[in-house]
PDB file of N, CA and C in Angstrom:
ATOM      1  N   MET A   1      14.633  33.616  31.744  1.00  0.00           N
ATOM      2  CA  MET A   1      14.852  32.025  31.797  1.00  0.00           C
ATOM      3  C   MET A   1      15.119  31.844  30.245  1.00  0.00           C
ATOM      4  N   ASN A   2      16.027  31.074  30.050  1.00  0.00           N
ATOM      5  CA  ASN A   2      16.413  30.673  28.685  1.00  0.00           C
ATOM      6  C   ASN A   2      15.780  29.441  28.129  1.00  0.00           C
ATOM      7  N   LEU A   3      15.885  29.081  26.889  1.00  0.00           N
ATOM      8  CA  LEU A   3      14.926  28.045  26.454  1.00  0.00           C
ATOM      9  C   LEU A   3      15.338  26.667  27.209  1.00  0.00           C
ATOM     10  N   LEU A   4      16.650  26.450  27.407  1.00  0.00           N
ATOM     11  CA  LEU A   4      17.098  25.217  27.917  1.00  0.00           C
ATOM     12  C   LEU A   4      16.611  25.026  29.439  1.00  0.00           C
ATOM     13  N   GLU A   5      16.709  26.053  30.153  1.00  0.00           N
ATOM     14  CA  GLU A   5      15.998  26.144  31.463  1.00  0.00           C
ATOM     15  C   GLU A   5      14.511  25.967  31.611  1.00  0.00           C
ATOM     16  N   GLU A   6      13.857  26.396  30.518  1.00  0.00           N
ATOM     17  CA  GLU A   6      12.479  26.465  30.331  1.00  0.00           C
ATOM     18  C   GLU A   6      12.204  24.792  30.137  1.00  0.00           C
ATOM     19  N   GLN A   7      13.061  24.156  29.280  1.00  0.00           N
ATOM     20  CA  GLN A   7      12.600  22.942  28.883  1.00  0.00           C
ATOM     21  C   GLN A   7      12.905  21.803  30.199  1.00  0.00           C
ATOM     22  N   VAL A   8      13.866  22.267  31.123  1.00  0.00           N
ATOM     23  CA  VAL A   8      14.190  21.539  32.141  1.00  0.00           C
ATOM     24  C   VAL A   8      13.055  21.685  33.263  1.00  0.00           C
ATOM     25  N   TYR A   9      12.779  22.676  33.418  1.00  0.00           N
ATOM     26  CA  TYR A   9      11.544  22.945  34.353  1.00  0.00           C
ATOM     27  C   TYR A   9      10.166  22.408  33.899  1.00  0.00           C
ATOM     28  N   THR A  10       9.867  22.441  32.541  1.00  0.00           N
ATOM     29  CA  THR A  10       8.554  22.042  32.209  1.00  0.00           C
ATOM     30  C   THR A  10       8.584  20.585  32.276  1.00  0.00           C
ATOM     31  N   ASN A  11       9.502  19.893  32.022  1.00  0.00           N
ATOM     32  CA  ASN A  11       9.634  18.387  32.211  1.00  0.00           C
ATOM     33  C   ASN A  11       9.634  17.943  33.579  1.00  0.00           C
ATOM     34  N   GLY A  12       9.705  18.871  34.575  1.00  0.00           N
ATOM     35  CA  GLY A  12       9.549  18.553  35.964  1.00  0.00           C
ATOM     36  C   GLY A  12      10.642  18.120  36.657  1.00  0.00           C
ATOM     37  N   THR A  13      11.848  18.042  35.985  1.00  0.00           N
ATOM     38  CA  THR A  13      13.121  17.603  36.551  1.00  0.00           C
ATOM     39  C   THR A  13      14.153  18.818  36.514  1.00  0.00           C
ATOM     40  N   ASN A  14      15.015  18.903  37.421  1.00  0.00           N
ATOM     41  CA  ASN A  14      16.096  19.571  37.505  1.00  0.00           C
ATOM     42  C   ASN A  14      17.162  18.829  37.584  1.00  0.00           C
ATOM     43  N   HIS A  15      18.056  19.025  36.217  1.00  0.00           N
ATOM     44  CA  HIS A  15      19.272  18.299  36.203  1.00  0.00           C
ATOM     45  C   HIS A  15      20.576  18.747  36.759  1.00  0.00           C
ATOM     46  N   GLN A  16      20.176  20.242  37.341  1.00  0.00           N
ATOM     47  CA  GLN A  16      21.607  20.880  37.897  1.00  0.00           C
ATOM     48  C   GLN A  16      21.961  20.074  39.058  1.00  0.00           C
ATOM     49  N   ARG A  17      23.426  19.981  38.971  1.00  0.00           N
ATOM     50  CA  ARG A  17      24.118  19.273  40.160  1.00  0.00           C
ATOM     51  C   ARG A  17      24.756  20.154  41.193  1.00  0.00           C
ATOM     52  N   SER A  18      25.112  19.725  42.253  1.00  0.00           N
ATOM     53  CA  SER A  18      25.574  20.649  43.054  1.00  0.00           C
ATOM     54  C   SER A  18      27.069  20.595  43.113  1.00  0.00           C
ATOM     55  N   LEU A  19      27.595  22.023  42.953  1.00  0.00           N
ATOM     56  CA  LEU A  19      28.978  22.266  42.827  1.00  0.00           C
ATOM     57  C   LEU A  19      29.534  21.946  44.175  1.00  0.00           C
ATOM     58  N   VAL A  20      29.142  22.242  45.283  1.00  0.00           N
ATOM     59  CA  VAL A  20      29.915  21.754  46.306  1.00  0.00           C
ATOM     60  C   VAL A  20      29.808  20.242  46.518  1.00  0.00           C
ATOM     61  N   LEU A  21      28.906  19.441  46.120  1.00  0.00           N
ATOM     62  CA  LEU A  21      28.950  18.062  46.293  1.00  0.00           C
ATOM     63  C   LEU A  21      29.879  17.500  45.261  1.00  0.00           C
ATOM     64  N   ALA A  22      30.036  18.107  44.290  1.00  0.00           N
ATOM     65  CA  ALA A  22      30.997  17.450  43.210  1.00  0.00           C
ATOM     66  C   ALA A  22      32.311  17.752  43.692  1.00  0.00           C
ATOM     67  N   TYR A  23      32.793  18.874  44.331  1.00  0.00           N
ATOM     68  CA  TYR A  23      34.115  19.015  44.901  1.00  0.00           C
ATOM     69  C   TYR A  23      34.236  18.327  45.991  1.00  0.00           C
ATOM     70  N   VAL A  24      33.430  17.832  46.770  1.00  0.00           N
ATOM     71  CA  VAL A  24      33.499  17.041  47.937  1.00  0.00           C
ATOM     72  C   VAL A  24      33.777  15.595  47.488  1.00  0.00           C
ATOM     73  N   LEU A  25      33.149  15.226  46.285  1.00  0.00           N
ATOM     74  CA  LEU A  25      33.234  13.876  45.924  1.00  0.00           C
ATOM     75  C   LEU A  25      34.833  14.100  45.131  1.00  0.00           C
ATOM     76  N   TRP A  26      35.004  14.806  44.421  1.00  0.00           N
ATOM     77  CA  TRP A  26      36.442  15.123  43.887  1.00  0.00           C
ATOM     78  C   TRP A  26      37.393  14.951  44.847  1.00  0.00           C
ATOM     79  N   PHE A  27      37.283  15.595  46.006  1.00  0.00           N
ATOM     80  CA  PHE A  27      38.538  15.694  46.904  1.00  0.00           C
ATOM     81  C   PHE A  27      38.518  14.383  47.684  1.00  0.00           C
ATOM     82  N   PHE A  28      37.427  13.612  48.125  1.00  0.00           N
ATOM     83  CA  PHE A  28      37.684  12.361  48.674  1.00  0.00           C
ATOM     84  C   PHE A  28      37.420  11.142  47.753  1.00  0.00           C
ATOM     85  N   LEU A  29      37.046  10.913  46.790  1.00  0.00           N
ATOM     86  CA  LEU A  29      36.745   9.900  45.968  1.00  0.00           C
ATOM     87  C   LEU A  29      37.149   9.991  44.517  1.00  0.00           C
ATOM     88  N   GLY A  30      37.890  11.211  44.232  1.00  0.00           N
ATOM     89  CA  GLY A  30      38.253  11.646  42.881  1.00  0.00           C
ATOM     90  C   GLY A  30      39.128  10.627  42.346  1.00  0.00           C
ATOM     91  N   GLN A  31      39.858  10.182  42.837  1.00  0.00           N
ATOM     92  CA  GLN A  31      41.000   9.100  42.268  1.00  0.00           C
ATOM     93  C   GLN A  31      40.259   7.940  41.781  1.00  0.00           C
ATOM     94  N   LEU A  32      39.017   7.647  42.121  1.00  0.00           N
ATOM     95  CA  LEU A  32      38.113   6.794  41.629  1.00  0.00           C
ATOM     96  C   LEU A  32      37.299   7.167  40.704  1.00  0.00           C
ATOM     97  N   GLY A  33      37.162   8.386  40.398  1.00  0.00           N
ATOM     98  CA  GLY A  33      36.338   9.001  39.365  1.00  0.00           C
ATOM     99  C   GLY A  33      35.015   9.022  39.834  1.00  0.00           C
ATOM    100  N   ILE A  34      34.502   9.075  41.020  1.00  0.00           N
ATOM    101  CA  ILE A  34      33.177   9.145  41.463  1.00  0.00           C
ATOM    102  C   ILE A  34      32.542  10.492  41.309  1.00  0.00           C
ATOM    103  N   HIS A  35      33.076  11.605  41.256  1.00  0.00           N
ATOM    104  CA  HIS A  35      32.788  12.816  40.698  1.00  0.00           C
ATOM    105  C   HIS A  35      32.299  13.003  39.402  1.00  0.00           C
ATOM    106  N   ARG A  36      33.156  12.146  38.567  1.00  0.00           N
ATOM    107  CA  ARG A  36      32.531  11.963  37.251  1.00  0.00           C
ATOM    108  C   ARG A  36      31.388  11.278  36.887  1.00  0.00           C
ATOM    109  N   PHE A  37      31.138  10.247  37.541  1.00  0.00           N
ATOM    110  CA  PHE A  37      29.841   9.422  37.779  1.00  0.00           C
ATOM    111  C   PHE A  37      28.744  10.415  38.115  1.00  0.00           C
ATOM    112  N   TYR A  38      29.037  11.218  39.081  1.00  0.00           N
ATOM    113  CA  TYR A  38      27.892  12.061  39.688  1.00  0.00           C
ATOM    114  C   TYR A  38      27.665  13.261  38.727  1.00  0.00           C
ATOM    115  N   THR A  39      28.407  13.643  37.913  1.00  0.00           N
ATOM    116  CA  THR A  39      28.148  14.727  36.842  1.00  0.00           C
ATOM    117  C   THR A  39      27.664  14.152  35.528  1.00  0.00           C
ATOM    118  N   GLY A  40      27.730  12.735  35.536  1.00  0.00           N
ATOM    119  CA  GLY A  40      26.937  12.152  34.329  1.00  0.00           C
ATOM    120  C   GLY A  40      28.175  11.749  33.302  1.00  0.00           C
ATOM    121  N   ARG A  41      29.333  11.985  33.477  1.00  0.00           N
ATOM    122  CA  ARG A  41      30.457  11.501  32.503  1.00  0.00           C
ATOM    123  C   ARG A  41      30.733  10.137  33.016  1.00  0.00           C
ATOM    124  N   VAL A  42      30.019   9.052  32.571  1.00  0.00           N
ATOM    125  CA  VAL A  42      30.226   7.772  33.097  1.00  0.00           C
ATOM    126  C   VAL A  42      31.406   7.075  32.304  1.00  0.00           C
ATOM    127  N   GLY A  43      31.597   7.475  30.883  1.00  0.00           N
ATOM    128  CA  GLY A  43      32.731   6.812  30.401  1.00  0.00           C
ATOM    129  C   GLY A  43      34.082   7.298  30.942  1.00  0.00           C
ATOM    130  N   SER A  44      34.261   8.525  31.166  1.00  0.00           N
ATOM    131  CA  SER A  44      35.412   9.142  31.776  1.00  0.00           C
ATOM    132  C   SER A  44      35.689   8.557  33.168  1.00  0.00           C
ATOM    133  N   GLY A  45      34.525   8.477  33.809  1.00  0.00           N
ATOM    134  CA  GLY A  45      34.400   8.067  35.211  1.00  0.00           C
ATOM    135  C   GLY A  45      35.074   6.587  35.397  1.00  0.00           C
ATOM    136  N   ILE A  46      34.634   5.471  34.274  1.00  0.00           N
ATOM    137  CA  ILE A  46      35.128   4.315  34.213  1.00  0.00           C
ATOM    138  C   ILE A  46      36.490   4.398  34.046  1.00  0.00           C
ATOM    139  N   ALA A  47      36.989   5.251  33.073  1.00  0.00           N
ATOM    140  CA  ALA A  47      38.557   5.506  32.830  1.00  0.00           C
ATOM    141  C   ALA A  47      39.133   5.619  33.966  1.00  0.00           C
ATOM    142  N   GLN A  48      38.878   6.517  34.729  1.00  0.00           N
ATOM    143  CA  GLN A  48      39.684   7.008  35.999  1.00  0.00           C
ATOM    144  C   GLN A  48      39.410   6.065  36.980  1.00  0.00           C
ATOM    145  N   LEU A  49      38.241   5.352  37.164  1.00  0.00           N
ATOM    146  CA  LEU A  49      38.333   4.161  38.081  1.00  0.00           C
ATOM    147  C   LEU A  49      39.384   3.045  37.736  1.00  0.00           C
ATOM    148  N   LEU A  50      39.344   2.637  36.326  1.00  0.00           N
ATOM    149  CA  LEU A  50      40.387   1.934  35.946  1.00  0.00           C
ATOM    150  C   LEU A  50      41.632   2.110  36.335  1.00  0.00           C
ATOM    151  N   LEU A  51      42.134   3.595  35.889  1.00  0.00           N
ATOM    152  CA  LEU A  51      43.378   4.056  36.106  1.00  0.00           C
ATOM    153  C   LEU A  51      43.821   4.023  37.676  1.00  0.00           C
ATOM    154  N   GLY A  52      42.866   4.291  38.602  1.00  0.00           N
ATOM    155  CA  GLY A  52      43.046   4.231  39.840  1.00  0.00           C
ATOM    156  C   GLY A  52      43.270   2.715  40.519  1.00  0.00           C
ATOM    157  N   VAL A  53      42.347   1.911  40.086  1.00  0.00           N
ATOM    158  CA  VAL A  53      42.286   0.554  40.435  1.00  0.00           C
ATOM    159  C   VAL A  53      43.771  -0.095  40.104  1.00  0.00           C
ATOM    160  N   ILE A  54      43.890  -0.137  38.935  1.00  0.00           N
ATOM    161  CA  ILE A  54      45.126  -0.738  38.136  1.00  0.00           C
ATOM    162  C   ILE A  54      46.558  -0.252  38.671  1.00  0.00           C
ATOM    163  N   GLY A  55      46.424   1.045  38.878  1.00  0.00           N
ATOM    164  CA  GLY A  55      47.553   1.922  39.316  1.00  0.00           C
ATOM    165  C   GLY A  55      48.140   1.450  40.726  1.00  0.00           C
ATOM    166  N   TYR A  56      46.909   1.460  41.602  1.00  0.00           N
ATOM    167  CA  TYR A  56      47.269   1.129  42.989  1.00  0.00           C
ATOM    168  C   TYR A  56      47.623  -0.498  43.186  1.00  0.00           C
ATOM    169  N   LEU A  57      46.891  -1.238  42.373  1.00  0.00           N
ATOM    170  CA  LEU A  57      47.289  -2.716  42.446  1.00  0.00           C
ATOM    171  C   LEU A  57      48.588  -2.968  41.722  1.00  0.00           C
ATOM    172  N   THR A  58      49.298  -2.364  40.891  1.00  0.00           N
ATOM    173  CA  THR A  58      50.447  -2.460  40.371  1.00  0.00           C
ATOM    174  C   THR A  58      51.406  -1.564  40.738  1.00  0.00           C
ATOM    175  N   ALA A  59      51.290  -0.617  41.562  1.00  0.00           N
ATOM    176  CA  ALA A  59      52.321   0.359  42.066  1.00  0.00           C
ATOM    177  C   ALA A  59      53.556  -0.411  42.850  1.00  0.00           C
ATOM    178  N   TRP A  60      53.384  -1.513  43.242  1.00  0.00           N
ATOM    179  CA  TRP A  60      54.417  -2.442  43.800  1.00  0.00           C
ATOM    180  C   TRP A  60      55.470  -2.824  42.728  1.00  0.00           C
ATOM    181  N   ILE A  61      55.124  -3.097  41.645  1.00  0.00           N
ATOM    182  CA  ILE A  61      55.845  -3.499  40.483  1.00  0.00           C
ATOM    183  C   ILE A  61      56.345  -2.274  39.606  1.00  0.00           C
ATOM    184  N   LEU A  62      56.057  -1.110  39.959  1.00  0.00           N
ATOM    185  CA  LEU A  62      56.468   0.186  39.369  1.00  0.00           C
ATOM    186  C   LEU A  62      55.617   0.821  38.298  1.00  0.00           C
ATOM    187  N   ILE A  63      55.232  -0.417  37.468  1.00  0.00           N
ATOM    188  CA  ILE A  63      54.337   0.197  36.292  1.00  0.00           C
ATOM    189  C   ILE A  63      53.186   1.090  36.954  1.00  0.00           C
ATOM    190  N   GLY A  64      52.523   0.685  37.925  1.00  0.00           N
ATOM    191  CA  GLY A  64      51.440   1.200  38.532  1.00  0.00           C
ATOM    192  C   GLY A  64      51.539   2.839  38.794  1.00  0.00           C
ATOM    193  N   TRP A  65      52.913   3.455  38.854  1.00  0.00           N
ATOM    194  CA  TRP A  65      53.124   4.806  39.287  1.00  0.00           C
ATOM    195  C   TRP A  65      52.760   5.400  38.126  1.00  0.00           C
ATOM    196  N   LEU A  66      52.884   4.905  36.837  1.00  0.00           N
ATOM    197  CA  LEU A  66      52.644   5.604  35.502  1.00  0.00           C
ATOM    198  C   LEU A  66      51.161   5.812  35.475  1.00  0.00           C
ATOM    199  N   PHE A  67      50.330   4.744  35.711  1.00  0.00           N
ATOM    200  CA  PHE A  67      48.926   4.909  35.670  1.00  0.00           C
ATOM    201  C   PHE A  67      48.557   6.021  36.761  1.00  0.00           C
ATOM    202  N   LEU A  68      48.952   5.861  37.828  1.00  0.00           N
ATOM    203  CA  LEU A  68      48.599   6.959  38.925  1.00  0.00           C
ATOM    204  C   LEU A  68      49.244   8.368  38.440  1.00  0.00           C
ATOM    205  N   PHE A  69      50.404   8.414  37.970  1.00  0.00           N
ATOM    206  CA  PHE A  69      50.478   9.887  37.388  1.00  0.00           C
ATOM    207  C   PHE A  69      49.573  10.532  36.508  1.00  0.00           C
ATOM    208  N   ILE A  70      49.116   9.510  35.589  1.00  0.00           N
ATOM    209  CA  ILE A  70      48.335  10.106  34.665  1.00  0.00           C
ATOM    210  C   ILE A  70      47.196  10.347  35.151  1.00  0.00           C
ATOM    211  N   LEU A  71      46.772   9.567  36.168  1.00  0.00           N
ATOM    212  CA  LEU A  71      45.350   9.846  36.891  1.00  0.00           C
ATOM    213  C   LEU A  71      45.511  11.129  37.706  1.00  0.00           C
ATOM    214  N   TRP A  72      46.485  11.251  38.194  1.00  0.00           N
ATOM    215  CA  TRP A  72      46.664  12.455  39.242  1.00  0.00           C
ATOM    216  C   TRP A  72      46.849  13.919  38.377  1.00  0.00           C
ATOM    217  N   ILE A  73      47.290  13.749  37.072  1.00  0.00           N
ATOM    218  CA  ILE A  73      47.318  14.973  36.558  1.00  0.00           C
ATOM    219  C   ILE A  73      45.743  15.237  36.015  1.00  0.00           C
ATOM    220  N   TRP A  74      45.167  14.348  35.566  1.00  0.00           N
ATOM    221  CA  TRP A  74      44.003  14.442  34.984  1.00  0.00           C
ATOM    222  C   TRP A  74      42.797  14.847  36.377  1.00  0.00           C
ATOM    223  N   TRP A  75      43.174  14.247  37.524  1.00  0.00           N
ATOM    224  CA  TRP A  75      42.566  14.644  38.792  1.00  0.00           C
ATOM    225  C   TRP A  75      42.630  16.171  39.005  1.00  0.00           C
ATOM    226  N   PHE A  76      43.886  16.755  38.850  1.00  0.00           N
ATOM    227  CA  PHE A  76      44.082  17.953  39.054  1.00  0.00           C
ATOM    228  C   PHE A  76      43.270  18.901  38.113  1.00  0.00           C
ATOM    229  N   ILE A  77      43.326  18.519  36.684  1.00  0.00           N
ATOM    230  CA  ILE A  77      42.773  19.220  35.735  1.00  0.00           C
ATOM    231  C   ILE A  77      41.225  19.395  35.992  1.00  0.00           C
ATOM    232  N   ASP A  78      40.810  18.352  36.673  1.00  0.00           N
ATOM    233  CA  ASP A  78      39.262  18.560  37.068  1.00  0.00           C
ATOM    234  C   ASP A  78      38.840  19.500  37.934  1.00  0.00           C
ATOM    235  N   ILE A  79      39.822  20.034  38.700  1.00  0.00           N
ATOM    236  CA  ILE A  79      39.442  21.069  39.560  1.00  0.00           C
ATOM    237  C   ILE A  79      38.724  22.232  38.898  1.00  0.00           C
ATOM    238  N   PHE A  80      39.374  22.435  37.650  1.00  0.00           N
ATOM    239  CA  PHE A  80      38.880  23.646  36.858  1.00  0.00           C
ATOM    240  C   PHE A  80      37.675  23.036  35.852  1.00  0.00           C
ATOM    241  N   LEU A  81      37.414  21.892  35.564  1.00  0.00           N
ATOM    242  CA  LEU A  81      36.479  21.154  34.685  1.00  0.00           C
ATOM    243  C   LEU A  81      35.104  21.112  35.501  1.00  0.00           C
ATOM    244  N   ILE A  82      35.032  20.906  36.865  1.00  0.00           N
ATOM    245  CA  ILE A  82      33.945  20.502  37.550  1.00  0.00           C
ATOM    246  C   ILE A  82      32.773  21.571  37.555  1.00  0.00           C
ATOM    247  N   PRO A  83      33.004  23.051  37.449  1.00  0.00           N
ATOM    248  CA  PRO A  83      31.940  23.962  37.446  1.00  0.00           C
ATOM    249  C   PRO A  83      31.182  23.625  35.890  1.00  0.00           C
ATOM    250  N   GLY A  84      31.905  23.573  34.921  1.00  0.00           N
ATOM    251  CA  GLY A  84      31.204  23.261  33.486  1.00  0.00           C
ATOM    252  C   GLY A  84      30.684  21.921  33.615  1.00  0.00           C
ATOM    253  N   MET A  85      31.208  21.050  34.179  1.00  0.00           N
ATOM    254  CA  MET A  85      30.194  19.607  34.306  1.00  0.00           C
ATOM    255  C   MET A  85      29.160  19.751  35.216  1.00  0.00           C
ATOM    256  N   CYS A  86      29.107  20.443  36.098  1.00  0.00           N
ATOM    257  CA  CYS A  86      27.739  20.793  36.982  1.00  0.00           C
ATOM    258  C   CYS A  86      26.736  21.617  36.377  1.00  0.00           C
ATOM    259  N   ARG A  87      27.295  22.483  35.385  1.00  0.00           N
ATOM    260  CA  ARG A  87      26.286  23.370  34.725  1.00  0.00           C
ATOM    261  C   ARG A  87      25.746  22.815  33.340  1.00  0.00           C
ATOM    262  N   GLU A  88      26.368  22.059  32.812  1.00  0.00           N
ATOM    263  CA  GLU A  88      25.963  21.261  31.498  1.00  0.00           C
ATOM    264  C   GLU A  88      25.055  19.987  31.894  1.00  0.00           C
ATOM    265  N   PRO A  89      23.918  19.988  31.358  1.00  0.00           N
ATOM    266  CA  PRO A  89      22.920  18.850  31.733  1.00  0.00           C
ATOM    267  C   PRO A  89      23.653  17.802  30.702  1.00  0.00           C
ATOM    268  N   ARG A  90      23.294  16.653  31.448  1.00  0.00           N
ATOM    269  CA  ARG A  90      23.776  15.319  30.798  1.00  0.00           C
ATOM    270  C   ARG A  90      22.313  14.451  30.982  1.00  0.00           C
TER     271      ARG A  90
END
């Protein structure tokens, strides 16, 4: 057991997040950034939430597609970032 794990267990809390739950949240609610809230990335979760809401609300005037395109690229990249987000304590 390394020093970080020892500190987590001695405090009586285990901050490890479920990888499966993070991927489920990513798949179903990822365009709202919910998986980032779950992994402790509140700032980027708010950014994804805003991109999604603004993008979907303004898609009918075409500017929203730019927001959604950025969000979808970020959402795809998160596939590879989720394991690290779950391992890293926040």
